[in-house]
Full PDB file with SEQRES, HELIX, SHEET, SSBOND, CRYST1, ORIGX, SCALE, CONECT and MASTER records, all heavy atoms in Angstrom:
SEQRES   1 A   31  TRP ILE PHE VAL LEU PRO PRO ALA VAL LEU GLY LEU ILE          
SEQRES   2 A   31  PHE GLY ALA LEU ALA ARG ASP ARG GLY ALA VAL THR LEU          
SEQRES   3 A   31  ASN ALA VAL VAL ALA                                          
HELIX    1 AA1 LEU A    5  ALA A   18  1                                  14    
HELIX    2 AA2 ARG A   21  VAL A   30  1                                  10    
CRYST1    1.000    1.000    1.000  90.00  90.00  90.00 P 1           1          
ORIGX1      1.000000  0.000000  0.000000        0.00000                         
ORIGX2      0.000000  1.000000  0.000000        0.00000                         
ORIGX3      0.000000  0.000000  1.000000        0.00000                         
SCALE1      1.000000  0.000000  0.000000        0.00000                         
SCALE2      0.000000  1.000000  0.000000        0.00000                         
SCALE3      0.000000  0.000000  1.000000        0.00000                         
ATOM      1  N   TRP A   1      -8.654  10.558  -2.853  1.00  0.00           N  
ATOM      2  CA  TRP A   1      -9.486  10.350  -4.023  1.00  0.00           C  
ATOM      3  C   TRP A   1      -8.741  10.932  -5.280  1.00  0.00           C  
ATOM      4  O   TRP A   1      -8.920  10.397  -6.398  1.00  0.00           O  
ATOM      5  CB  TRP A   1     -10.847  10.874  -4.000  1.00  0.00           C  
ATOM      6  CG  TRP A   1     -11.700  10.143  -3.030  1.00  0.00           C  
ATOM      7  CD1 TRP A   1     -12.209  10.485  -1.924  1.00  0.00           C  
ATOM      8  CD2 TRP A   1     -12.225   8.806  -3.326  1.00  0.00           C  
ATOM      9  NE1 TRP A   1     -13.011   9.444  -1.344  1.00  0.00           N  
ATOM     10  CE2 TRP A   1     -13.040   8.346  -2.204  1.00  0.00           C  
ATOM     11  CE3 TRP A   1     -12.045   7.834  -4.309  1.00  0.00           C  
ATOM     12  CZ2 TRP A   1     -13.638   7.165  -2.116  1.00  0.00           C  
ATOM     13  CZ3 TRP A   1     -12.627   6.662  -4.263  1.00  0.00           C  
ATOM     14  CH2 TRP A   1     -13.469   6.282  -3.190  1.00  0.00           C  
ATOM     15  N   ILE A   2      -8.098  12.021  -5.175  1.00  0.00           N  
ATOM     16  CA  ILE A   2      -7.602  12.801  -6.302  1.00  0.00           C  
ATOM     17  C   ILE A   2      -6.064  12.561  -6.549  1.00  0.00           C  
ATOM     18  O   ILE A   2      -5.635  12.376  -7.665  1.00  0.00           O  
ATOM     19  CB  ILE A   2      -7.894  14.301  -6.106  1.00  0.00           C  
ATOM     20  CG1 ILE A   2      -9.322  14.549  -5.989  1.00  0.00           C  
ATOM     21  CG2 ILE A   2      -7.273  15.117  -7.288  1.00  0.00           C  
ATOM     22  CD1 ILE A   2      -9.737  15.937  -5.531  1.00  0.00           C  
ATOM     23  N   PHE A   3      -5.289  12.665  -5.446  1.00  0.00           N  
ATOM     24  CA  PHE A   3      -3.846  12.712  -5.581  1.00  0.00           C  
ATOM     25  C   PHE A   3      -3.157  11.444  -5.127  1.00  0.00           C  
ATOM     26  O   PHE A   3      -1.909  11.378  -5.222  1.00  0.00           O  
ATOM     27  CB  PHE A   3      -3.242  13.875  -4.769  1.00  0.00           C  
ATOM     28  CG  PHE A   3      -3.726  15.154  -5.271  1.00  0.00           C  
ATOM     29  CD1 PHE A   3      -4.504  16.026  -4.463  1.00  0.00           C  
ATOM     30  CD2 PHE A   3      -3.360  15.669  -6.453  1.00  0.00           C  
ATOM     31  CE1 PHE A   3      -4.946  17.239  -4.868  1.00  0.00           C  
ATOM     32  CE2 PHE A   3      -3.738  16.940  -6.928  1.00  0.00           C  
ATOM     33  CZ  PHE A   3      -4.567  17.655  -6.096  1.00  0.00           C  
ATOM     34  N   VAL A   4      -3.873  10.447  -4.657  1.00  0.00           N  
ATOM     35  CA  VAL A   4      -3.214   9.211  -4.302  1.00  0.00           C  
ATOM     36  C   VAL A   4      -3.684   8.016  -5.060  1.00  0.00           C  
ATOM     37  O   VAL A   4      -2.832   7.321  -5.697  1.00  0.00           O  
ATOM     38  CB  VAL A   4      -3.449   8.948  -2.754  1.00  0.00           C  
ATOM     39  CG1 VAL A   4      -2.833   7.626  -2.323  1.00  0.00           C  
ATOM     40  CG2 VAL A   4      -2.878  10.090  -1.931  1.00  0.00           C  
ATOM     41  N   LEU A   5      -4.930   7.691  -5.083  1.00  0.00           N  
ATOM     42  CA  LEU A   5      -5.395   6.463  -5.701  1.00  0.00           C  
ATOM     43  C   LEU A   5      -5.235   6.475  -7.251  1.00  0.00           C  
ATOM     44  O   LEU A   5      -4.714   5.466  -7.789  1.00  0.00           O  
ATOM     45  CB  LEU A   5      -6.854   6.198  -5.327  1.00  0.00           C  
ATOM     46  CG  LEU A   5      -7.007   5.808  -3.837  1.00  0.00           C  
ATOM     47  CD1 LEU A   5      -8.471   5.582  -3.476  1.00  0.00           C  
ATOM     48  CD2 LEU A   5      -6.197   4.687  -3.452  1.00  0.00           C  
ATOM     49  N   PRO A   6      -5.631   7.547  -7.970  1.00  0.00           N  
ATOM     50  CA  PRO A   6      -5.412   7.466  -9.447  1.00  0.00           C  
ATOM     51  C   PRO A   6      -3.944   7.319  -9.839  1.00  0.00           C  
ATOM     52  O   PRO A   6      -3.611   6.475 -10.691  1.00  0.00           O  
ATOM     53  CB  PRO A   6      -6.012   8.786  -9.914  1.00  0.00           C  
ATOM     54  CG  PRO A   6      -7.048   9.127  -8.916  1.00  0.00           C  
ATOM     55  CD  PRO A   6      -6.465   8.620  -7.625  1.00  0.00           C  
ATOM     56  N   PRO A   7      -2.971   8.114  -9.301  1.00  0.00           N  
ATOM     57  CA  PRO A   7      -1.620   7.905  -9.703  1.00  0.00           C  
ATOM     58  C   PRO A   7      -1.047   6.485  -9.263  1.00  0.00           C  
ATOM     59  O   PRO A   7      -0.271   5.925  -9.992  1.00  0.00           O  
ATOM     60  CB  PRO A   7      -0.833   9.024  -8.986  1.00  0.00           C  
ATOM     61  CG  PRO A   7      -1.824  10.026  -8.721  1.00  0.00           C  
ATOM     62  CD  PRO A   7      -3.167   9.320  -8.473  1.00  0.00           C  
ATOM     63  N   ALA A   8      -1.463   6.043  -8.131  1.00  0.00           N  
ATOM     64  CA  ALA A   8      -1.032   4.720  -7.672  1.00  0.00           C  
ATOM     65  C   ALA A   8      -1.511   3.648  -8.535  1.00  0.00           C  
ATOM     66  O   ALA A   8      -0.739   2.690  -8.897  1.00  0.00           O  
ATOM     67  CB  ALA A   8      -1.547   4.437  -6.215  1.00  0.00           C  
ATOM     68  N   VAL A   9      -2.743   3.752  -9.002  1.00  0.00           N  
ATOM     69  CA  VAL A   9      -3.254   2.708  -9.989  1.00  0.00           C  
ATOM     70  C   VAL A   9      -2.514   2.859 -11.258  1.00  0.00           C  
ATOM     71  O   VAL A   9      -2.154   1.797 -11.880  1.00  0.00           O  
ATOM     72  CB  VAL A   9      -4.793   2.881 -10.134  1.00  0.00           C  
ATOM     73  CG1 VAL A   9      -5.350   1.985 -11.211  1.00  0.00           C  
ATOM     74  CG2 VAL A   9      -5.445   2.518  -8.761  1.00  0.00           C  
ATOM     75  N   LEU A  10      -2.326   4.031 -11.780  1.00  0.00           N  
ATOM     76  CA  LEU A  10      -1.578   4.147 -13.023  1.00  0.00           C  
ATOM     77  C   LEU A  10      -0.148   3.627 -12.884  1.00  0.00           C  
ATOM     78  O   LEU A  10       0.361   2.988 -13.725  1.00  0.00           O  
ATOM     79  CB  LEU A  10      -1.471   5.628 -13.449  1.00  0.00           C  
ATOM     80  CG  LEU A  10      -2.789   6.175 -14.096  1.00  0.00           C  
ATOM     81  CD1 LEU A  10      -2.616   7.682 -14.301  1.00  0.00           C  
ATOM     82  CD2 LEU A  10      -3.090   5.484 -15.427  1.00  0.00           C  
ATOM     83  N   GLY A  11       0.477   3.934 -11.752  1.00  0.00           N  
ATOM     84  CA  GLY A  11       1.846   3.374 -11.458  1.00  0.00           C  
ATOM     85  C   GLY A  11       1.872   1.910 -11.413  1.00  0.00           C  
ATOM     86  O   GLY A  11       2.824   1.203 -11.818  1.00  0.00           O  
ATOM     87  N   LEU A  12       0.733   1.275 -10.832  1.00  0.00           N  
ATOM     88  CA  LEU A  12       0.685  -0.183 -10.798  1.00  0.00           C  
ATOM     89  C   LEU A  12       0.601  -0.763 -12.226  1.00  0.00           C  
ATOM     90  O   LEU A  12       1.226  -1.728 -12.532  1.00  0.00           O  
ATOM     91  CB  LEU A  12      -0.555  -0.570  -9.987  1.00  0.00           C  
ATOM     92  CG  LEU A  12      -0.382  -0.788  -8.537  1.00  0.00           C  
ATOM     93  CD1 LEU A  12      -1.821  -0.991  -7.942  1.00  0.00           C  
ATOM     94  CD2 LEU A  12       0.404  -1.955  -8.235  1.00  0.00           C  
ATOM     95  N   ILE A  13      -0.249  -0.077 -13.094  1.00  0.00           N  
ATOM     96  CA  ILE A  13      -0.336  -0.529 -14.436  1.00  0.00           C  
ATOM     97  C   ILE A  13       0.942  -0.478 -15.180  1.00  0.00           C  
ATOM     98  O   ILE A  13       1.390  -1.410 -15.871  1.00  0.00           O  
ATOM     99  CB  ILE A  13      -1.444   0.175 -15.120  1.00  0.00           C  
ATOM    100  CG1 ILE A  13      -2.847  -0.127 -14.562  1.00  0.00           C  
ATOM    101  CG2 ILE A  13      -1.501  -0.073 -16.613  1.00  0.00           C  
ATOM    102  CD1 ILE A  13      -4.016   0.778 -14.966  1.00  0.00           C  
ATOM    103  N   PHE A  14       1.612   0.747 -15.135  1.00  0.00           N  
ATOM    104  CA  PHE A  14       2.899   0.884 -15.873  1.00  0.00           C  
ATOM    105  C   PHE A  14       3.911   0.021 -15.279  1.00  0.00           C  
ATOM    106  O   PHE A  14       4.781  -0.419 -16.080  1.00  0.00           O  
ATOM    107  CB  PHE A  14       3.275   2.381 -15.784  1.00  0.00           C  
ATOM    108  CG  PHE A  14       2.436   3.296 -16.664  1.00  0.00           C  
ATOM    109  CD1 PHE A  14       2.023   4.549 -16.275  1.00  0.00           C  
ATOM    110  CD2 PHE A  14       1.964   2.883 -17.900  1.00  0.00           C  
ATOM    111  CE1 PHE A  14       1.251   5.390 -17.026  1.00  0.00           C  
ATOM    112  CE2 PHE A  14       1.145   3.675 -18.651  1.00  0.00           C  
ATOM    113  CZ  PHE A  14       0.805   4.913 -18.251  1.00  0.00           C  
ATOM    114  N   GLY A  15       4.015  -0.198 -13.995  1.00  0.00           N  
ATOM    115  CA  GLY A  15       4.991  -1.045 -13.394  1.00  0.00           C  
ATOM    116  C   GLY A  15       4.752  -2.459 -13.795  1.00  0.00           C  
ATOM    117  O   GLY A  15       5.752  -3.175 -13.984  1.00  0.00           O  
ATOM    118  N   ALA A  16       3.514  -2.956 -13.903  1.00  0.00           N  
ATOM    119  CA  ALA A  16       3.303  -4.260 -14.362  1.00  0.00           C  
ATOM    120  C   ALA A  16       3.643  -4.490 -15.845  1.00  0.00           C  
ATOM    121  O   ALA A  16       4.193  -5.515 -16.208  1.00  0.00           O  
ATOM    122  CB  ALA A  16       1.809  -4.652 -14.171  1.00  0.00           C  
ATOM    123  N   LEU A  17       3.358  -3.444 -16.633  1.00  0.00           N  
ATOM    124  CA  LEU A  17       3.797  -3.500 -18.029  1.00  0.00           C  
ATOM    125  C   LEU A  17       5.313  -3.548 -18.252  1.00  0.00           C  
ATOM    126  O   LEU A  17       5.833  -4.201 -19.133  1.00  0.00           O  
ATOM    127  CB  LEU A  17       3.198  -2.359 -18.829  1.00  0.00           C  
ATOM    128  CG  LEU A  17       1.674  -2.448 -18.981  1.00  0.00           C  
ATOM    129  CD1 LEU A  17       1.197  -1.117 -19.690  1.00  0.00           C  
ATOM    130  CD2 LEU A  17       1.264  -3.584 -19.842  1.00  0.00           C  
ATOM    131  N   ALA A  18       6.024  -2.775 -17.279  1.00  0.00           N  
ATOM    132  CA  ALA A  18       7.483  -2.723 -17.409  1.00  0.00           C  
ATOM    133  C   ALA A  18       8.118  -3.926 -16.672  1.00  0.00           C  
ATOM    134  O   ALA A  18       9.353  -4.072 -16.741  1.00  0.00           O  
ATOM    135  CB  ALA A  18       7.951  -1.412 -16.929  1.00  0.00           C  
ATOM    136  N   ARG A  19       7.295  -4.617 -15.919  1.00  0.00           N  
ATOM    137  CA  ARG A  19       7.794  -5.839 -15.124  1.00  0.00           C  
ATOM    138  C   ARG A  19       8.825  -5.310 -14.122  1.00  0.00           C  
ATOM    139  O   ARG A  19       9.873  -5.967 -13.901  1.00  0.00           O  
ATOM    140  CB  ARG A  19       8.403  -6.866 -16.051  1.00  0.00           C  
ATOM    141  CG  ARG A  19       7.394  -7.452 -16.878  1.00  0.00           C  
ATOM    142  CD  ARG A  19       7.911  -8.648 -17.678  1.00  0.00           C  
ATOM    143  NE  ARG A  19       6.758  -9.142 -18.523  1.00  0.00           N  
ATOM    144  CZ  ARG A  19       7.050  -9.911 -19.600  1.00  0.00           C  
ATOM    145  NH1 ARG A  19       8.254 -10.185 -19.937  1.00  0.00           N  
ATOM    146  NH2 ARG A  19       6.045 -10.330 -20.294  1.00  0.00           N  
ATOM    147  N   ASP A  20       8.531  -4.156 -13.492  1.00  0.00           N  
ATOM    148  CA  ASP A  20       9.375  -3.609 -12.485  1.00  0.00           C  
ATOM    149  C   ASP A  20       8.746  -3.846 -11.136  1.00  0.00           C  
ATOM    150  O   ASP A  20       7.795  -3.327 -10.681  1.00  0.00           O  
ATOM    151  CB  ASP A  20       9.531  -2.125 -12.663  1.00  0.00           C  
ATOM    152  CG  ASP A  20      10.534  -1.409 -11.752  1.00  0.00           C  
ATOM    153  OD1 ASP A  20      11.178  -2.210 -11.007  1.00  0.00           O  
ATOM    154  OD2 ASP A  20      10.654  -0.202 -11.749  1.00  0.00           O  
ATOM    155  N   ARG A  21       9.325  -4.821 -10.373  1.00  0.00           N  
ATOM    156  CA  ARG A  21       8.764  -5.299  -9.121  1.00  0.00           C  
ATOM    157  C   ARG A  21       8.771  -4.211  -8.077  1.00  0.00           C  
ATOM    158  O   ARG A  21       7.868  -4.165  -7.306  1.00  0.00           O  
ATOM    159  CB  ARG A  21       9.575  -6.501  -8.707  1.00  0.00           C  
ATOM    160  CG  ARG A  21       9.072  -7.065  -7.349  1.00  0.00           C  
ATOM    161  CD  ARG A  21       9.740  -8.273  -7.023  1.00  0.00           C  
ATOM    162  NE  ARG A  21       8.860  -9.441  -6.937  1.00  0.00           N  
ATOM    163  CZ  ARG A  21       9.207 -10.707  -6.823  1.00  0.00           C  
ATOM    164  NH1 ARG A  21      10.437 -10.978  -6.831  1.00  0.00           N  
ATOM    165  NH2 ARG A  21       8.337 -11.631  -6.760  1.00  0.00           N  
ATOM    166  N   GLY A  22       9.817  -3.400  -8.009  1.00  0.00           N  
ATOM    167  CA  GLY A  22       9.916  -2.346  -7.050  1.00  0.00           C  
ATOM    168  C   GLY A  22       8.890  -1.330  -7.244  1.00  0.00           C  
ATOM    169  O   GLY A  22       8.226  -0.886  -6.166  1.00  0.00           O  
ATOM    170  N   ALA A  23       8.553  -0.908  -8.455  1.00  0.00           N  
ATOM    171  CA  ALA A  23       7.495   0.047  -8.724  1.00  0.00           C  
ATOM    172  C   ALA A  23       6.174  -0.404  -8.365  1.00  0.00           C  
ATOM    173  O   ALA A  23       5.313   0.247  -7.908  1.00  0.00           O  
ATOM    174  CB  ALA A  23       7.621   0.539 -10.210  1.00  0.00           C  
ATOM    175  N   VAL A  24       5.845  -1.722  -8.731  1.00  0.00           N  
ATOM    176  CA  VAL A  24       4.623  -2.372  -8.393  1.00  0.00           C  
ATOM    177  C   VAL A  24       4.427  -2.452  -6.841  1.00  0.00           C  
ATOM    178  O   VAL A  24       3.326  -2.111  -6.329  1.00  0.00           O  
ATOM    179  CB  VAL A  24       4.548  -3.739  -9.008  1.00  0.00           C  
ATOM    180  CG1 VAL A  24       3.292  -4.506  -8.485  1.00  0.00           C  
ATOM    181  CG2 VAL A  24       4.455  -3.679 -10.498  1.00  0.00           C  
ATOM    182  N   THR A  25       5.491  -2.762  -6.165  1.00  0.00           N  
ATOM    183  CA  THR A  25       5.397  -2.835  -4.703  1.00  0.00           C  
ATOM    184  C   THR A  25       5.140  -1.486  -4.092  1.00  0.00           C  
ATOM    185  O   THR A  25       4.268  -1.299  -3.178  1.00  0.00           O  
ATOM    186  CB  THR A  25       6.662  -3.430  -4.074  1.00  0.00           C  
ATOM    187  OG1 THR A  25       6.954  -4.731  -4.670  1.00  0.00           O  
ATOM    188  CG2 THR A  25       6.558  -3.524  -2.614  1.00  0.00           C  
ATOM    189  N   LEU A  26       5.845  -0.447  -4.566  1.00  0.00           N  
ATOM    190  CA  LEU A  26       5.685   0.916  -4.081  1.00  0.00           C  
ATOM    191  C   LEU A  26       4.281   1.400  -4.285  1.00  0.00           C  
ATOM    192  O   LEU A  26       3.568   1.901  -3.350  1.00  0.00           O  
ATOM    193  CB  LEU A  26       6.641   1.852  -4.735  1.00  0.00           C  
ATOM    194  CG  LEU A  26       6.419   3.359  -4.518  1.00  0.00           C  
ATOM    195  CD1 LEU A  26       6.695   3.708  -3.107  1.00  0.00           C  
ATOM    196  CD2 LEU A  26       7.281   4.171  -5.396  1.00  0.00           C  
ATOM    197  N   ASN A  27       3.815   1.222  -5.439  1.00  0.00           N  
ATOM    198  CA  ASN A  27       2.424   1.676  -5.824  1.00  0.00           C  
ATOM    199  C   ASN A  27       1.330   0.908  -5.099  1.00  0.00           C  
ATOM    200  O   ASN A  27       0.302   1.421  -4.671  1.00  0.00           O  
ATOM    201  CB  ASN A  27       2.195   1.637  -7.305  1.00  0.00           C  
ATOM    202  CG  ASN A  27       2.917   2.753  -8.020  1.00  0.00           C  
ATOM    203  OD1 ASN A  27       2.726   3.946  -7.758  1.00  0.00           O  
ATOM    204  ND2 ASN A  27       3.876   2.442  -8.925  1.00  0.00           N  
ATOM    205  N   ALA A  28       1.577  -0.410  -4.908  1.00  0.00           N  
ATOM    206  CA  ALA A  28       0.562  -1.250  -4.162  1.00  0.00           C  
ATOM    207  C   ALA A  28       0.487  -0.801  -2.714  1.00  0.00           C  
ATOM    208  O   ALA A  28      -0.573  -0.703  -2.158  1.00  0.00           O  
ATOM    209  CB  ALA A  28       0.976  -2.653  -4.257  1.00  0.00           C  
ATOM    210  N   VAL A  29       1.614  -0.544  -2.108  1.00  0.00           N  
ATOM    211  CA  VAL A  29       1.646  -0.121  -0.730  1.00  0.00           C  
ATOM    212  C   VAL A  29       0.973   1.212  -0.572  1.00  0.00           C  
ATOM    213  O   VAL A  29       0.162   1.423   0.318  1.00  0.00           O  
ATOM    214  CB  VAL A  29       3.164  -0.073  -0.174  1.00  0.00           C  
ATOM    215  CG1 VAL A  29       3.232   0.663   1.194  1.00  0.00           C  
ATOM    216  CG2 VAL A  29       3.635  -1.507  -0.037  1.00  0.00           C  
ATOM    217  N   VAL A  30       1.263   2.122  -1.476  1.00  0.00           N  
ATOM    218  CA  VAL A  30       0.645   3.469  -1.366  1.00  0.00           C  
ATOM    219  C   VAL A  30      -0.871   3.390  -1.556  1.00  0.00           C  
ATOM    220  O   VAL A  30      -1.628   4.038  -0.855  1.00  0.00           O  
ATOM    221  CB  VAL A  30       1.273   4.462  -2.445  1.00  0.00           C  
ATOM    222  CG1 VAL A  30       0.517   5.747  -2.564  1.00  0.00           C  
ATOM    223  CG2 VAL A  30       2.703   4.777  -2.009  1.00  0.00           C  
ATOM    224  N   ALA A  31      -1.330   2.565  -2.543  1.00  0.00           N  
ATOM    225  CA  ALA A  31      -2.688   2.429  -2.827  1.00  0.00           C  
ATOM    226  C   ALA A  31      -3.387   1.777  -1.616  1.00  0.00           C  
ATOM    227  O   ALA A  31      -4.597   2.241  -1.261  1.00  0.00           O  
ATOM    228  CB  ALA A  31      -2.946   1.587  -4.031  1.00  0.00           C  
TER     229      ALA A  31                                                      
MASTER        0    0    0    2    0    0    0    6  228    1    0    3          
END                                                                             
């Protein structure tokens, strides 16, 4: 709840904004 889901969601958002497919995939798998 504290150390996985919030950073993963933020990483998904920033990865989508940067259009970085690898970062989006990493964060989606972790989430």
